[in-house]
Amino acid sequence: MSAWRLIRPPSLLALVACSFLAAPSANAGSTTYTPATPEPGTEIPKVSVSFGMRPYADNTFYVIGIEKGWFKDVGITITPEPDGMKTTENQWVPLLLNRQVDINSATCGKLLPSYKSTDQLKCAGFAVTFSGYAMLANPKLGLKRLADTMTPGVTLQQGLAEALKPLVGKTIYVPPSTSEKEFTEVPFNLAGLGLPNYVTMEDSQMLLLAKSGRLDFMHPIGAPIAQSMLDAGWTPIYDTEQLLKFGPGGIDSPFEPLVFNNGWAATADYINDHKTTMMRFASVVFRIIDALKKDPSLYGVYAPYLNSVAGTSLDAAGVRRTVEQLDPFVPFDEQTKYFVNKEGAEYYGNSMGAFIKSLEASGTIPAGITPEEIVWAAPMYDEMAAYKKKSEALFETAPKSGLSAEKEALLAKAHQLYDWDDFLDSYRLASAALAG
C-alpha cells in the first residue's frame, strides 16, 4: 500500500471565487521579503496572534504548542483562546485577505489564484510536502493498482490504460476544486482513455456514501477521512507515489505540479510589521516537530481537537499513522530540501514553479508570477539559519568561567532557546551575555 498519499492537497475553486475580496496591494514591500531587525535588549516581546487552522492532520498539530505553552515561551498568545480559530477550505483565504486572522495553516499553492487581484498572500513556512493524491476504489470491486499493472516491459501508457479502464464512464466523486484536474484527468489523458463522470462532493458526504455502500470510486481531499478508507481496505488505483515512480522523472515531469507544501501563511503587510513574531512562530512549529519525533505520544495531545473539527475518531496511533504513512513533518535541519537543494523536485522553485506554469496555462492566474514572490518561507528560512549559525559561533567563544551570575543566566537561557529552535532570541541573549 502506498505511503505517499493523503496529506492536504490544495482546493482552489473557493479561492478563485473569493480572491477579489481584497483590493490590489499598493505596498511596494509586498513583493520582496527584507530581513527583520531584532529588538534591543533581552526581553522577548509579548504579542497576541490570531491564528486559524484547517481540519486536517497536518494542519492542527499546532495545538500541541498551544496546550503545552510553547508559544507563550516565545511571547506569543494564540487567539481566540483556547486553541485559535477553526477555519474551513472556503473560509481561510478570505479570512487572511480581510485581516480577520493574522496567520493560518495553509496549502501554499492555494494562495496563487488570489494574485488575480492582490499580491498580499505569502507562504511563510513549510511543515510537510504534500505528494499524496489518491484515487480510491471500493474493495468489493477487486481492482488492480497501477503498480500491479506495471510489469516488466509495460509502458506507462499501457499500465495506466489497464488500471483505468474499469473507471471509464463510471461516476467518480471528487472535491469541488479546480486544482484536482491535474490529478484526476492527466492519467486518463496519458492512457488515451475517455474521462469518467466526475461528481463534485465534500469529503464528509463521500464518507457517508462510502459507509453506506453507495459509491465505488472517490478522491477524498482530507487525510483523516481518506486514511479511514484505506484502513477499511479501499484500493488506491493510482496515487502520487505510483505516478512519480512509474512516470517520467525530473522537475519537468508532467507530475511535478502534484508536489505541494502545507505550512502556514500570512499577508505581506502582517509579515512586514511582525517579522520577529513570524520567526518566533516558526520556531514553535519546529519545536513541535522535534518533540513529535522524540515522543510520538504527543500525537494524542491534538487528536481530540482534530477529531472535533474533522469528524473522525482517531486515537494517537491513528493520527501518527495518518501523518507518518503520508509525508512526515520536516524538521528545521531537513528543510534544506526545500530551500537549498535546487536540483530536487521538492525545491520550492521547482515545485511552485511547475504549479505556477500549469495555472498560467489554464488562465487561472496572470502571467509573470515567480516562486520568490509568493514563497517568503525561503528567505525567512535563510534568516533563521543565519541566526542559528551566529548563535553557535557565540556559544563556541563563550568563556567557561568568569561571567557574572546574571550573564551566566542569560547564556543558559540562550542555550535553552536554541534547543527550542528560537535562534533569533538565542542570538540576542547570547550576544548580551557575552557583551563587554
Protein backbone atom coordinates (compact mmCIF):
# COMPACT_ATOMS: atom_id res chain seq x y z
CA MET A 1 0.00 0.00 0.00
CA SER A 2 1.31 3.40 -0.93
CA ALA A 3 2.99 5.57 1.65
CA TRP A 4 2.71 8.84 -0.29
CA ARG A 5 -0.87 9.87 -0.33
CA LEU A 6 -3.39 11.85 1.64
CA ILE A 7 -1.84 14.89 3.31
CA ARG A 8 -3.79 18.04 2.40
CA PRO A 9 -3.95 18.81 -1.30
CA PRO A 10 -4.91 22.29 -2.42
CA SER A 11 -8.52 23.17 -3.14
CA LEU A 12 -8.69 26.23 -5.38
CA LEU A 13 -12.27 26.69 -6.52
CA ALA A 14 -13.39 28.63 -3.47
CA LEU A 15 -10.27 30.76 -3.63
CA VAL A 16 -10.90 31.74 -7.24
CA ALA A 17 -14.32 32.95 -6.18
CA CYS A 18 -13.02 34.78 -3.13
CA SER A 19 -9.79 36.21 -4.49
CA PHE A 20 -11.42 39.52 -5.36
CA LEU A 21 -12.38 40.37 -1.79
CA ALA A 22 -9.22 42.36 -1.17
CA ALA A 23 -8.10 45.35 -3.21
CA PRO A 24 -4.80 45.02 -5.07
CA SER A 25 -1.88 45.84 -2.83
CA ALA A 26 -0.22 49.18 -3.28
CA ASN A 27 2.53 48.25 -0.84
CA ALA A 28 5.91 48.04 -2.54
CA GLY A 29 7.03 45.78 0.30
CA SER A 30 4.63 43.05 -0.75
CA THR A 31 6.91 41.72 -3.49
CA THR A 32 10.24 41.04 -1.79
CA TYR A 33 10.97 39.99 1.78
CA THR A 34 13.60 42.01 3.65
CA PRO A 35 15.33 40.79 6.82
CA ALA A 36 13.99 41.54 10.28
CA THR A 37 15.59 43.88 12.78
CA PRO A 38 15.99 42.15 16.16
CA GLU A 39 14.60 44.00 19.16
CA PRO A 40 17.13 45.62 21.50
CA GLY A 41 17.55 44.23 25.00
CA THR A 42 16.96 40.72 26.30
CA GLU A 43 13.21 40.61 26.87
CA ILE A 44 11.05 38.68 24.44
CA PRO A 45 8.17 40.94 23.42
CA LYS A 46 4.67 39.69 24.16
CA VAL A 47 2.15 39.68 21.31
CA SER A 48 -1.24 38.15 20.54
CA VAL A 49 -1.57 36.32 17.22
CA SER A 50 -4.93 35.44 15.70
CA PHE A 51 -4.35 32.01 14.23
CA GLY A 52 -6.62 29.72 12.21
CA MET A 53 -6.30 26.00 11.46
CA ARG A 54 -7.92 23.85 8.80
CA PRO A 55 -9.33 20.44 9.84
CA TYR A 56 -6.51 18.11 8.77
CA ALA A 57 -3.84 16.02 10.48
CA ASP A 58 -1.01 18.16 9.13
CA ASN A 59 -2.85 21.44 9.84
CA THR A 60 -3.82 21.02 13.50
CA PHE A 61 -0.59 19.84 15.16
CA TYR A 62 -0.07 23.45 16.30
CA VAL A 63 -2.45 22.58 19.14
CA ILE A 64 0.47 20.81 20.83
CA GLY A 65 2.37 24.10 21.09
CA ILE A 66 -0.73 25.92 22.31
CA GLU A 67 -1.63 23.43 25.01
CA LYS A 68 1.97 22.89 26.15
CA GLY A 69 2.55 26.65 26.46
CA TRP A 70 5.33 26.66 23.91
CA PHE A 71 4.00 29.66 22.01
CA LYS A 72 3.91 31.61 25.27
CA ASP A 73 7.53 30.59 25.90
CA VAL A 74 8.42 32.89 23.00
CA GLY A 75 5.97 35.64 23.90
CA ILE A 76 3.05 34.57 21.67
CA THR A 77 -0.54 34.18 22.85
CA ILE A 78 -2.69 32.40 20.27
CA THR A 79 -6.18 33.87 19.89
CA PRO A 80 -9.05 33.31 20.05
CA GLU A 81 -8.35 31.26 23.14
CA PRO A 82 -8.07 28.45 23.90
CA ASP A 83 -6.99 26.94 20.54
CA GLY A 84 -7.25 29.59 17.86
CA MET A 85 -9.89 29.69 15.13
CA LYS A 86 -11.36 26.70 13.32
CA THR A 87 -11.27 27.52 9.61
CA THR A 88 -12.54 25.64 6.57
CA GLU A 89 -11.43 25.44 2.96
CA ASN A 90 -13.97 28.07 1.97
CA GLN A 91 -13.04 30.44 4.79
CA TRP A 92 -9.32 30.61 5.39
CA VAL A 93 -8.14 32.60 2.36
CA PRO A 94 -10.84 35.30 2.68
CA LEU A 95 -10.12 35.47 6.41
CA LEU A 96 -6.46 36.20 5.69
CA LEU A 97 -7.23 38.69 2.94
CA ASN A 98 -9.70 40.55 5.15
CA ARG A 99 -7.26 40.52 8.10
CA GLN A 100 -9.63 38.51 10.30
CA VAL A 101 -6.78 36.13 11.10
CA ASP A 102 -3.09 37.03 11.23
CA ILE A 103 -1.73 33.58 10.31
CA ASN A 104 -3.48 30.47 9.03
CA SER A 105 -2.39 26.94 8.31
CA ALA A 106 -2.08 26.71 4.56
CA THR A 107 -1.51 24.83 1.36
CA CYS A 108 0.88 27.22 -0.30
CA GLY A 109 -0.25 26.58 -3.87
CA LYS A 110 -3.76 27.65 -2.96
CA LEU A 111 -2.57 31.23 -2.47
CA LEU A 112 -1.83 31.70 -6.16
CA PRO A 113 -5.29 32.44 -7.63
CA SER A 114 -5.66 35.42 -5.29
CA TYR A 115 -2.90 37.07 -7.33
CA LYS A 116 -5.53 37.99 -9.89
CA SER A 117 -6.40 40.87 -7.57
CA THR A 118 -3.74 41.20 -4.88
CA ASP A 119 -0.16 40.16 -4.19
CA GLN A 120 -0.66 40.14 -0.43
CA LEU A 121 -0.76 36.44 0.46
CA LYS A 122 2.57 34.83 1.26
CA CYS A 123 3.61 31.33 2.19
CA ALA A 124 5.55 31.89 5.40
CA GLY A 125 6.68 28.36 6.21
CA PHE A 126 6.65 24.71 5.15
CA ALA A 127 5.77 21.89 7.54
CA VAL A 128 5.28 18.99 5.11
CA THR A 129 5.39 18.14 1.43
CA PHE A 130 2.06 17.06 0.04
CA SER A 131 2.59 14.41 -2.57
CA GLY A 132 -0.36 12.22 -1.84
CA TYR A 133 -3.36 12.39 -4.09
CA ALA A 134 -5.13 9.01 -4.24
CA MET A 135 -7.88 7.66 -6.49
CA LEU A 136 -9.69 5.08 -4.36
CA ALA A 137 -11.87 2.16 -5.41
CA ASN A 138 -14.30 0.16 -3.31
CA PRO A 139 -12.53 -3.05 -2.25
CA LYS A 140 -15.52 -5.16 -3.33
CA LEU A 141 -14.55 -4.42 -6.95
CA GLY A 142 -11.20 -6.19 -6.62
CA LEU A 143 -9.43 -3.80 -8.97
CA LYS A 144 -5.72 -3.54 -9.69
CA ARG A 145 -3.47 -0.65 -8.78
CA LEU A 146 -1.21 0.99 -11.33
CA ALA A 147 1.69 -0.70 -9.53
CA ASP A 148 0.08 -4.09 -10.22
CA THR A 149 -0.13 -3.43 -13.96
CA MET A 150 3.42 -2.13 -14.40
CA THR A 151 5.10 -5.47 -15.07
CA PRO A 152 8.47 -5.58 -16.90
CA GLY A 153 8.21 -4.27 -20.44
CA VAL A 154 4.93 -2.43 -19.84
CA THR A 155 4.92 1.27 -20.68
CA LEU A 156 3.28 3.90 -18.50
CA GLN A 157 0.56 4.37 -21.11
CA GLN A 158 -0.18 0.65 -21.19
CA GLY A 159 -0.15 0.31 -17.41
CA LEU A 160 -2.42 3.29 -16.94
CA ALA A 161 -4.81 2.01 -19.61
CA GLU A 162 -5.15 -1.36 -17.90
CA ALA A 163 -5.62 0.13 -14.42
CA LEU A 164 -8.03 2.86 -15.50
CA LYS A 165 -10.30 1.09 -17.99
CA PRO A 166 -12.67 -0.06 -15.21
CA LEU A 167 -13.19 3.60 -14.23
CA VAL A 168 -14.05 4.96 -17.69
CA GLY A 169 -17.67 6.02 -17.87
CA LYS A 170 -18.20 5.41 -14.17
CA THR A 171 -19.13 8.01 -11.57
CA ILE A 172 -16.17 9.25 -9.52
CA TYR A 173 -16.69 11.58 -6.58
CA VAL A 174 -14.07 14.32 -6.39
CA PRO A 175 -13.59 17.55 -4.41
CA PRO A 176 -15.01 20.81 -5.81
CA SER A 177 -11.52 22.03 -6.69
CA THR A 178 -10.08 23.24 -9.96
CA SER A 179 -6.57 22.07 -9.00
CA GLU A 180 -7.76 18.47 -8.75
CA LYS A 181 -7.90 18.26 -12.55
CA GLU A 182 -4.13 17.78 -12.67
CA PHE A 183 -4.58 14.55 -10.71
CA THR A 184 -7.96 13.32 -11.88
CA GLU A 185 -7.63 13.95 -15.63
CA VAL A 186 -3.95 13.76 -16.64
CA PRO A 187 -3.57 9.98 -16.03
CA PHE A 188 -6.62 9.25 -18.22
CA ASN A 189 -5.28 11.55 -20.94
CA LEU A 190 -1.87 9.86 -20.83
CA ALA A 191 -3.59 6.47 -21.11
CA GLY A 192 -5.51 7.62 -24.16
CA LEU A 193 -8.83 6.97 -22.42
CA GLY A 194 -12.01 8.95 -22.08
CA LEU A 195 -12.77 10.60 -18.78
CA PRO A 196 -15.08 9.23 -16.09
CA ASN A 197 -18.18 11.07 -14.93
CA TYR A 198 -16.88 13.37 -12.21
CA VAL A 199 -19.29 14.48 -9.50
CA THR A 200 -18.09 17.10 -7.01
CA MET A 201 -18.75 16.44 -3.35
CA GLU A 202 -17.32 17.35 0.04
CA ASP A 203 -15.36 14.70 1.92
CA SER A 204 -17.92 14.35 4.68
CA GLN A 205 -20.62 13.43 2.16
CA MET A 206 -18.30 10.99 0.39
CA LEU A 207 -17.66 9.30 3.71
CA LEU A 208 -21.36 8.86 4.39
CA LEU A 209 -21.97 7.39 0.93
CA ALA A 210 -18.96 5.09 1.21
CA LYS A 211 -20.03 3.77 4.61
CA SER A 212 -23.49 3.02 3.25
CA GLY A 213 -22.09 1.27 0.17
CA ARG A 214 -23.45 3.82 -2.27
CA LEU A 215 -20.29 4.75 -4.15
CA ASP A 216 -17.49 2.83 -5.81
CA PHE A 217 -14.87 5.47 -6.67
CA MET A 218 -13.72 8.53 -4.75
CA HIS A 219 -10.88 11.00 -4.50
CA PRO A 220 -11.20 12.49 -1.00
CA ILE A 221 -9.25 15.62 -0.19
CA GLY A 222 -8.70 15.28 3.58
CA ALA A 223 -6.11 12.97 5.13
CA PRO A 224 -8.14 11.70 8.13
CA ILE A 225 -11.13 10.62 6.04
CA ALA A 226 -9.00 9.19 3.24
CA GLN A 227 -6.92 7.28 5.77
CA SER A 228 -10.11 5.81 7.18
CA MET A 229 -10.96 4.50 3.71
CA LEU A 230 -7.51 2.98 3.28
CA ASP A 231 -7.77 1.35 6.69
CA ALA A 232 -11.08 -0.12 5.52
CA GLY A 233 -9.30 -1.72 2.58
CA TRP A 234 -10.10 0.68 -0.26
CA THR A 235 -7.76 0.29 -3.23
CA PRO A 236 -5.52 3.18 -4.37
CA ILE A 237 -5.88 2.67 -8.12
CA TYR A 238 -3.23 5.31 -8.54
CA ASP A 239 -1.65 7.87 -6.26
CA THR A 240 1.18 10.36 -6.42
CA GLU A 241 3.80 7.85 -5.35
CA GLN A 242 2.85 5.45 -8.12
CA LEU A 243 2.71 8.22 -10.75
CA LEU A 244 6.13 9.54 -9.75
CA LYS A 245 7.60 6.04 -9.57
CA PHE A 246 6.45 4.85 -12.98
CA GLY A 247 6.15 8.15 -14.82
CA PRO A 248 8.86 10.35 -16.31
CA GLY A 249 11.21 11.77 -13.72
CA GLY A 250 12.79 15.13 -13.10
CA ILE A 251 11.48 18.59 -12.42
CA ASP A 252 9.98 18.77 -15.92
CA SER A 253 7.78 15.72 -15.32
CA PRO A 254 4.06 16.25 -16.01
CA PHE A 255 3.53 15.07 -12.45
CA GLU A 256 5.77 17.74 -10.83
CA PRO A 257 2.73 20.06 -10.37
CA LEU A 258 1.32 17.45 -7.97
CA VAL A 259 4.00 18.28 -5.38
CA PHE A 260 2.62 20.79 -2.87
CA ASN A 261 3.63 22.12 0.53
CA ASN A 262 1.48 22.59 3.59
CA GLY A 263 2.57 25.04 6.24
CA TRP A 264 1.39 28.49 7.29
CA ALA A 265 0.60 31.75 5.53
CA ALA A 266 0.04 35.42 6.26
CA THR A 267 -0.30 38.68 4.38
CA ALA A 268 2.76 40.65 3.32
CA ASP A 269 1.54 43.55 5.45
CA TYR A 270 1.36 41.40 8.57
CA ILE A 271 4.76 39.80 7.94
CA ASN A 272 6.41 43.16 7.28
CA ASP A 273 5.03 44.52 10.55
CA HIS A 274 5.75 41.38 12.61
CA LYS A 275 8.88 39.78 11.19
CA THR A 276 10.37 38.72 14.51
CA THR A 277 6.99 37.36 15.61
CA MET A 278 6.91 35.27 12.43
CA MET A 279 10.33 33.82 13.23
CA ARG A 280 9.25 33.01 16.78
CA PHE A 281 6.07 31.41 15.48
CA ALA A 282 8.17 29.29 13.13
CA SER A 283 10.44 28.28 15.99
CA VAL A 284 7.48 26.80 17.85
CA VAL A 285 6.45 24.85 14.75
CA PHE A 286 9.89 23.29 14.54
CA ARG A 287 9.93 22.68 18.30
CA ILE A 288 6.68 20.73 17.94
CA ILE A 289 8.07 18.70 15.04
CA ASP A 290 11.22 17.91 17.02
CA ALA A 291 9.12 16.85 20.01
CA LEU A 292 6.90 14.57 17.91
CA LYS A 293 9.98 12.81 16.57
CA LYS A 294 11.18 12.14 20.12
CA ASP A 295 7.82 11.44 21.74
CA PRO A 296 5.09 10.13 19.39
CA SER A 297 2.62 10.06 22.28
CA LEU A 298 2.24 13.80 21.62
CA TYR A 299 0.04 12.91 18.64
CA GLY A 300 -2.53 12.17 21.31
CA VAL A 301 -2.41 15.79 22.51
CA TYR A 302 -4.02 17.07 19.34
CA ALA A 303 -6.07 14.01 18.39
CA PRO A 304 -9.19 15.25 20.26
CA TYR A 305 -9.04 18.62 18.52
CA LEU A 306 -8.51 17.01 15.12
CA ASN A 307 -11.43 14.67 15.68
CA SER A 308 -13.65 17.55 16.75
CA VAL A 309 -13.04 19.50 13.54
CA ALA A 310 -12.66 16.62 11.06
CA GLY A 311 -15.47 14.38 12.28
CA THR A 312 -13.10 11.45 12.77
CA SER A 313 -12.38 9.20 15.75
CA LEU A 314 -8.62 8.76 15.54
CA ASP A 315 -6.51 7.94 18.58
CA ALA A 316 -2.85 8.96 18.94
CA ALA A 317 -1.71 5.96 16.91
CA GLY A 318 -4.22 6.76 14.18
CA VAL A 319 -3.08 10.37 13.89
CA ARG A 320 0.55 9.26 13.86
CA ARG A 321 -0.19 6.69 11.16
CA THR A 322 -2.05 9.28 9.09
CA VAL A 323 0.99 11.56 9.17
CA GLU A 324 3.86 9.07 9.03
CA GLN A 325 2.37 6.93 6.25
CA LEU A 326 1.98 10.04 4.17
CA ASP A 327 4.60 12.78 4.28
CA PRO A 328 6.15 13.20 7.70
CA PHE A 329 6.74 16.58 9.27
CA VAL A 330 10.06 18.11 8.21
CA PRO A 331 12.37 19.40 10.98
CA PHE A 332 14.33 22.61 10.58
CA ASP A 333 17.63 20.95 9.66
CA GLU A 334 15.93 18.91 6.91
CA GLN A 335 14.31 21.95 5.30
CA THR A 336 17.35 22.32 3.06
CA LYS A 337 15.48 20.12 0.55
CA TYR A 338 13.01 22.98 0.15
CA PHE A 339 15.33 25.97 0.14
CA VAL A 340 18.89 24.85 -0.65
CA ASN A 341 18.92 21.78 -2.90
CA LYS A 342 17.95 23.42 -6.18
CA GLU A 343 18.05 20.24 -8.27
CA GLY A 344 15.47 18.39 -6.18
CA ALA A 345 11.80 18.02 -7.07
CA GLU A 346 10.89 19.39 -3.64
CA TYR A 347 12.88 22.61 -4.03
CA TYR A 348 10.30 25.35 -3.77
CA GLY A 349 11.35 26.99 -7.03
CA ASN A 350 10.79 23.75 -8.92
CA SER A 351 7.52 22.59 -7.35
CA MET A 352 5.93 26.02 -7.09
CA GLY A 353 7.33 26.96 -10.48
CA ALA A 354 5.67 23.93 -12.08
CA PHE A 355 2.35 24.73 -10.44
CA ILE A 356 2.57 28.39 -11.50
CA LYS A 357 3.22 27.24 -15.05
CA SER A 358 0.17 24.95 -15.05
CA LEU A 359 -2.11 27.68 -13.65
CA GLU A 360 -0.79 30.23 -16.15
CA ALA A 361 -1.54 27.80 -18.98
CA SER A 362 -5.12 27.40 -17.78
CA GLY A 363 -5.61 31.15 -17.34
CA THR A 364 -6.25 30.78 -13.61
CA ILE A 365 -3.53 33.30 -12.74
CA PRO A 366 -1.86 36.18 -14.57
CA ALA A 367 1.50 35.60 -16.22
CA GLY A 368 4.73 36.68 -14.60
CA ILE A 369 4.32 35.47 -11.00
CA THR A 370 7.52 33.94 -9.63
CA PRO A 371 8.02 31.42 -6.81
CA GLU A 372 10.10 34.02 -4.96
CA GLU A 373 7.18 36.44 -4.94
CA ILE A 374 4.85 34.07 -3.13
CA VAL A 375 7.16 31.83 -1.06
CA TRP A 376 8.62 34.08 1.60
CA ALA A 377 9.36 30.94 3.58
CA ALA A 378 12.63 30.72 1.62
CA PRO A 379 14.30 33.96 2.79
CA MET A 380 12.76 33.51 6.24
CA TYR A 381 14.40 30.08 6.48
CA ASP A 382 17.71 31.60 5.38
CA GLU A 383 17.35 34.23 8.09
CA MET A 384 16.66 31.66 10.79
CA ALA A 385 19.59 29.54 9.57
CA ALA A 386 21.86 32.59 9.80
CA TYR A 387 20.83 33.26 13.42
CA LYS A 388 21.41 29.58 14.18
CA LYS A 389 24.99 29.85 12.93
CA LYS A 390 25.55 33.14 14.77
CA SER A 391 24.30 31.57 18.00
CA GLU A 392 26.61 28.57 17.55
CA ALA A 393 29.57 30.86 16.95
CA LEU A 394 28.84 32.77 20.17
CA PHE A 395 28.44 29.55 22.15
CA GLU A 396 31.84 28.37 20.89
CA THR A 397 33.56 31.57 22.04
CA ALA A 398 31.81 31.77 25.42
CA PRO A 399 34.23 31.54 28.35
CA LYS A 400 33.95 28.51 30.60
CA SER A 401 34.04 30.73 33.66
CA GLY A 402 34.31 34.36 34.69
CA LEU A 403 30.85 35.52 33.71
CA SER A 404 28.65 37.19 36.28
CA ALA A 405 25.68 35.26 37.63
CA GLU A 406 23.36 37.46 35.60
CA LYS A 407 25.26 36.80 32.37
CA GLU A 408 25.55 33.09 33.13
CA ALA A 409 21.77 33.01 33.42
CA LEU A 410 21.40 34.84 30.11
CA LEU A 411 23.73 32.40 28.37
CA ALA A 412 21.88 29.43 29.83
CA LYS A 413 18.59 30.88 28.60
CA ALA A 414 20.17 31.41 25.16
CA HIS A 415 21.08 27.72 25.04
CA GLN A 416 17.53 26.79 26.03
CA LEU A 417 16.02 28.98 23.30
CA TYR A 418 18.43 27.45 20.79
CA ASP A 419 17.24 23.98 21.76
CA TRP A 420 13.68 25.23 21.16
CA ASP A 421 14.66 26.37 17.63
CA ASP A 422 14.26 30.04 18.58
CA PHE A 423 17.57 31.03 17.02
CA LEU A 424 16.73 34.72 16.86
CA ASP A 425 16.39 35.04 20.64
CA SER A 426 19.22 32.63 21.38
CA TYR A 427 21.44 35.01 19.41
CA ARG A 428 20.01 38.08 21.15
CA LEU A 429 20.55 36.67 24.63
CA ALA A 430 23.95 35.13 23.88
CA SER A 431 25.13 38.45 22.45
CA ALA A 432 24.00 40.26 25.60
CA ALA A 433 25.63 37.65 27.82
CA LEU A 434 28.99 37.95 26.09
CA ALA A 435 28.96 41.72 25.64
CA GLY A 436 31.83 43.50 27.38
